Amino acid sequence: QFKAIKTIQDPAEGQIVYLDITEVPVLVIDVDDINGTASKFEAYSRMYGGLENLVWERTRNNGYHLFFYTEEKHPNIMHKTFKGLHIDILFKGRVFTSPSSWQCKDYVPGGKSILSIERLEELPVLPDWIDEILCD
């Protein structure tokens, strides 16, 4: 595992695992499930080949975290709507990840989990179809 992953045990809340992306070349696209955003995002992904080749997870509130390799760091973009999708673009800070369990809700790894990555360079770069969504 790479050093950016940390675990906190909180008896009241559960196990919290997070990835500190501030000093590592990682970009996280956080798709929040607000007003059906998760379903809309799934439809977009199917049009462009799905999520099979990406590193992702379902968040505790049924959204998505998608992890990408990037050398560029920018300020986070929070609570923004792109093409009707509620998305946060995260370059810095802590990102909760599976196998976190917090307030009896779990983060669930997708086909390829961030914890299965041995080196950050194994992460995919942001695909064009997601970049187009974010250029709204």
C-alpha atoms as a PDB file:
ATOM      1  CA  GLN A   1       0.000   0.000   0.000  1.00  0.00           C
ATOM      2  CA  PHE A   2       1.151   3.551  -0.543  1.00  0.00           C
ATOM      3  CA  LYS A   3       1.650   5.897   2.394  1.00  0.00           C
ATOM      4  CA  ALA A   4      -1.229   8.260   1.592  1.00  0.00           C
ATOM      5  CA  ILE A   5      -3.776   5.766   2.985  1.00  0.00           C
ATOM      6  CA  LYS A   6      -4.554   6.093   6.697  1.00  0.00           C
ATOM      7  CA  THR A   7      -6.960   4.314   9.047  1.00  0.00           C
ATOM      8  CA  ILE A   8      -8.732   5.683  12.099  1.00  0.00           C
ATOM      9  CA  GLN A   9     -10.671   3.490  14.509  1.00  0.00           C
ATOM     10  CA  ASP A  10     -13.497   5.395  16.174  1.00  0.00           C
ATOM     11  CA  PRO A  11     -15.545   3.242  18.565  1.00  0.00           C
ATOM     12  CA  ALA A  12     -18.566   5.530  18.187  1.00  0.00           C
ATOM     13  CA  GLU A  13     -18.428   5.832  14.394  1.00  0.00           C
ATOM     14  CA  GLY A  14     -16.645   2.732  13.049  1.00  0.00           C
ATOM     15  CA  GLN A  15     -13.555   2.247  10.920  1.00  0.00           C
ATOM     16  CA  ILE A  16     -12.581   5.203   8.779  1.00  0.00           C
ATOM     17  CA  VAL A  17     -10.039   4.785   5.998  1.00  0.00           C
ATOM     18  CA  TYR A  18      -8.968   7.846   4.066  1.00  0.00           C
ATOM     19  CA  LEU A  19      -6.610   8.820   1.314  1.00  0.00           C
ATOM     20  CA  ASP A  20      -4.736  12.091   1.813  1.00  0.00           C
ATOM     21  CA  ILE A  21      -4.394  13.400  -1.752  1.00  0.00           C
ATOM     22  CA  THR A  22      -2.815  16.787  -0.957  1.00  0.00           C
ATOM     23  CA  GLU A  23       0.784  15.779  -1.642  1.00  0.00           C
ATOM     24  CA  VAL A  24       0.249  12.902  -4.090  1.00  0.00           C
ATOM     25  CA  PRO A  25      -0.592  12.975  -7.819  1.00  0.00           C
ATOM     26  CA  VAL A  26      -4.221  11.951  -7.386  1.00  0.00           C
ATOM     27  CA  LEU A  27      -7.443  13.568  -8.555  1.00  0.00           C
ATOM     28  CA  VAL A  28     -10.768  12.369  -7.141  1.00  0.00           C
ATOM     29  CA  ILE A  29     -14.060  12.945  -8.893  1.00  0.00           C
ATOM     30  CA  ASP A  30     -16.749  12.800  -6.197  1.00  0.00           C
ATOM     31  CA  VAL A  31     -20.159  12.220  -7.763  1.00  0.00           C
ATOM     32  CA  ASP A  32     -22.769  13.045  -5.136  1.00  0.00           C
ATOM     33  CA  ASP A  33     -26.118  11.276  -5.382  1.00  0.00           C
ATOM     34  CA  ILE A  34     -28.272  14.408  -5.318  1.00  0.00           C
ATOM     35  CA  ASN A  35     -31.435  14.527  -7.437  1.00  0.00           C
ATOM     36  CA  GLY A  36     -30.591  11.289  -9.238  1.00  0.00           C
ATOM     37  CA  THR A  37     -27.023  12.264 -10.107  1.00  0.00           C
ATOM     38  CA  ALA A  38     -25.682   8.737  -9.540  1.00  0.00           C
ATOM     39  CA  SER A  39     -28.144   7.246 -12.045  1.00  0.00           C
ATOM     40  CA  LYS A  40     -27.409   9.976 -14.583  1.00  0.00           C
ATOM     41  CA  PHE A  41     -23.671   9.414 -14.144  1.00  0.00           C
ATOM     42  CA  GLU A  42     -24.140   5.664 -14.646  1.00  0.00           C
ATOM     43  CA  ALA A  43     -25.994   6.370 -17.913  1.00  0.00           C
ATOM     44  CA  TYR A  44     -23.123   8.591 -19.107  1.00  0.00           C
ATOM     45  CA  SER A  45     -20.590   5.921 -18.196  1.00  0.00           C
ATOM     46  CA  ARG A  46     -22.487   3.234 -20.146  1.00  0.00           C
ATOM     47  CA  MET A  47     -22.459   5.451 -23.255  1.00  0.00           C
ATOM     48  CA  TYR A  48     -18.645   5.556 -23.049  1.00  0.00           C
ATOM     49  CA  GLY A  49     -17.812   1.973 -22.144  1.00  0.00           C
ATOM     50  CA  GLY A  50     -18.638   1.868 -18.458  1.00  0.00           C
ATOM     51  CA  LEU A  51     -16.472   2.012 -15.371  1.00  0.00           C
ATOM     52  CA  GLU A  52     -14.658  -1.317 -15.820  1.00  0.00           C
ATOM     53  CA  ASN A  53     -11.254   0.217 -16.620  1.00  0.00           C
ATOM     54  CA  LEU A  54     -11.449   2.839 -13.886  1.00  0.00           C
ATOM     55  CA  VAL A  55     -10.645   2.823 -10.180  1.00  0.00           C
ATOM     56  CA  TRP A  56     -13.844   3.654  -8.323  1.00  0.00           C
ATOM     57  CA  GLU A  57     -16.070   2.966  -5.358  1.00  0.00           C
ATOM     58  CA  ARG A  58     -19.605   3.609  -4.188  1.00  0.00           C
ATOM     59  CA  THR A  59     -19.725   6.166  -1.394  1.00  0.00           C
ATOM     60  CA  ARG A  60     -21.671   5.804   1.823  1.00  0.00           C
ATOM     61  CA  ASN A  61     -24.519   7.874   0.362  1.00  0.00           C
ATOM     62  CA  ASN A  62     -24.692   5.914  -2.918  1.00  0.00           C
ATOM     63  CA  GLY A  63     -22.543   8.283  -4.976  1.00  0.00           C
ATOM     64  CA  TYR A  64     -19.179   7.561  -6.571  1.00  0.00           C
ATOM     65  CA  HIS A  65     -15.517   8.283  -5.956  1.00  0.00           C
ATOM     66  CA  LEU A  66     -13.356   7.907  -9.055  1.00  0.00           C
ATOM     67  CA  PHE A  67      -9.576   8.024  -8.677  1.00  0.00           C
ATOM     68  CA  PHE A  68      -7.203   9.330 -11.372  1.00  0.00           C
ATOM     69  CA  TYR A  69      -3.515  10.017 -11.757  1.00  0.00           C
ATOM     70  CA  THR A  70      -2.560  13.645 -12.356  1.00  0.00           C
ATOM     71  CA  GLU A  71       0.574  15.692 -11.837  1.00  0.00           C
ATOM     72  CA  GLU A  72      -1.451  18.934 -11.940  1.00  0.00           C
ATOM     73  CA  LYS A  73      -2.858  20.289  -8.698  1.00  0.00           C
ATOM     74  CA  HIS A  74      -5.583  22.932  -8.608  1.00  0.00           C
ATOM     75  CA  PRO A  75      -7.930  24.220  -5.920  1.00  0.00           C
ATOM     76  CA  ASN A  76     -10.805  21.884  -5.130  1.00  0.00           C
ATOM     77  CA  ILE A  77     -14.097  22.638  -6.873  1.00  0.00           C
ATOM     78  CA  MET A  78     -16.932  21.918  -4.478  1.00  0.00           C
ATOM     79  CA  HIS A  79     -20.715  21.669  -4.795  1.00  0.00           C
ATOM     80  CA  LYS A  80     -20.807  22.343  -8.520  1.00  0.00           C
ATOM     81  CA  THR A  81     -23.252  21.085 -11.120  1.00  0.00           C
ATOM     82  CA  PHE A  82     -21.871  19.881 -14.458  1.00  0.00           C
ATOM     83  CA  LYS A  83     -24.402  18.845 -17.121  1.00  0.00           C
ATOM     84  CA  GLY A  84     -26.952  18.331 -14.346  1.00  0.00           C
ATOM     85  CA  LEU A  85     -24.577  16.196 -12.257  1.00  0.00           C
ATOM     86  CA  HIS A  86     -23.562  17.190  -8.723  1.00  0.00           C
ATOM     87  CA  ILE A  87     -19.788  16.694  -8.639  1.00  0.00           C
ATOM     88  CA  ASP A  88     -16.882  17.752  -6.444  1.00  0.00           C
ATOM     89  CA  ILE A  89     -13.421  17.824  -8.052  1.00  0.00           C
ATOM     90  CA  LEU A  90     -10.821  17.076  -5.407  1.00  0.00           C
ATOM     91  CA  PHE A  91      -7.104  17.743  -5.739  1.00  0.00           C
ATOM     92  CA  LYS A  92      -6.332  18.234  -2.039  1.00  0.00           C
ATOM     93  CA  GLY A  93      -7.495  16.999   1.333  1.00  0.00           C
ATOM     94  CA  ARG A  94      -8.753  13.750   2.749  1.00  0.00           C
ATOM     95  CA  VAL A  95     -11.044  11.444   0.854  1.00  0.00           C
ATOM     96  CA  PHE A  96     -12.818   8.677   2.742  1.00  0.00           C
ATOM     97  CA  THR A  97     -12.498   5.356   0.953  1.00  0.00           C
ATOM     98  CA  SER A  98     -13.468   1.712   1.269  1.00  0.00           C
ATOM     99  CA  PRO A  99     -13.484  -0.227   3.509  1.00  0.00           C
ATOM    100  CA  SER A 100     -14.709   2.675   5.654  1.00  0.00           C
ATOM    101  CA  SER A 101     -17.842   2.172   7.662  1.00  0.00           C
ATOM    102  CA  TRP A 102     -19.164   5.369   9.154  1.00  0.00           C
ATOM    103  CA  GLN A 103     -22.498   5.825  10.931  1.00  0.00           C
ATOM    104  CA  CYS A 104     -23.487   2.314   9.765  1.00  0.00           C
ATOM    105  CA  LYS A 105     -22.982   3.177   6.088  1.00  0.00           C
ATOM    106  CA  ASP A 106     -20.196   1.583   4.044  1.00  0.00           C
ATOM    107  CA  TYR A 107     -17.948   2.671   1.219  1.00  0.00           C
ATOM    108  CA  VAL A 108     -17.954  -0.207  -1.286  1.00  0.00           C
ATOM    109  CA  PRO A 109     -15.103  -0.805  -3.753  1.00  0.00           C
ATOM    110  CA  GLY A 110     -15.891  -0.977  -7.438  1.00  0.00           C
ATOM    111  CA  GLY A 111     -14.329  -3.315  -9.961  1.00  0.00           C
ATOM    112  CA  LYS A 112     -10.850  -2.050  -9.114  1.00  0.00           C
ATOM    113  CA  SER A 113     -10.339  -0.548  -5.672  1.00  0.00           C
ATOM    114  CA  ILE A 114      -7.901   2.202  -4.717  1.00  0.00           C
ATOM    115  CA  LEU A 115      -6.563  -0.276  -2.145  1.00  0.00           C
ATOM    116  CA  SER A 116      -5.647  -2.697  -4.938  1.00  0.00           C
ATOM    117  CA  ILE A 117      -3.228  -0.154  -6.436  1.00  0.00           C
ATOM    118  CA  GLU A 118       0.404  -0.723  -5.480  1.00  0.00           C
ATOM    119  CA  ARG A 119       1.768   2.419  -7.147  1.00  0.00           C
ATOM    120  CA  LEU A 120      -0.102   5.618  -7.913  1.00  0.00           C
ATOM    121  CA  GLU A 121       1.162   5.513 -11.499  1.00  0.00           C
ATOM    122  CA  GLU A 122      -1.183   2.552 -12.000  1.00  0.00           C
ATOM    123  CA  LEU A 123      -4.174   4.869 -11.718  1.00  0.00           C
ATOM    124  CA  PRO A 124      -5.784   5.801 -15.027  1.00  0.00           C
ATOM    125  CA  VAL A 125      -5.729   9.380 -16.271  1.00  0.00           C
ATOM    126  CA  LEU A 126      -9.000  11.259 -16.486  1.00  0.00           C
ATOM    127  CA  PRO A 127     -10.867   9.909 -19.540  1.00  0.00           C
ATOM    128  CA  ASP A 128     -12.101  12.314 -22.197  1.00  0.00           C
ATOM    129  CA  TRP A 129     -15.774  11.588 -21.512  1.00  0.00           C
ATOM    130  CA  ILE A 130     -15.478  12.697 -17.872  1.00  0.00           C
ATOM    131  CA  ASP A 131     -13.354  15.684 -18.878  1.00  0.00           C
ATOM    132  CA  GLU A 132     -16.145  16.729 -21.274  1.00  0.00           C
ATOM    133  CA  ILE A 133     -18.697  16.542 -18.457  1.00  0.00           C
ATOM    134  CA  LEU A 134     -16.467  18.750 -16.293  1.00  0.00           C
ATOM    135  CA  CYS A 135     -15.979  21.320 -19.067  1.00  0.00           C
ATOM    136  CA  ASP A 136     -19.670  22.251 -18.937  1.00  0.00           C
END
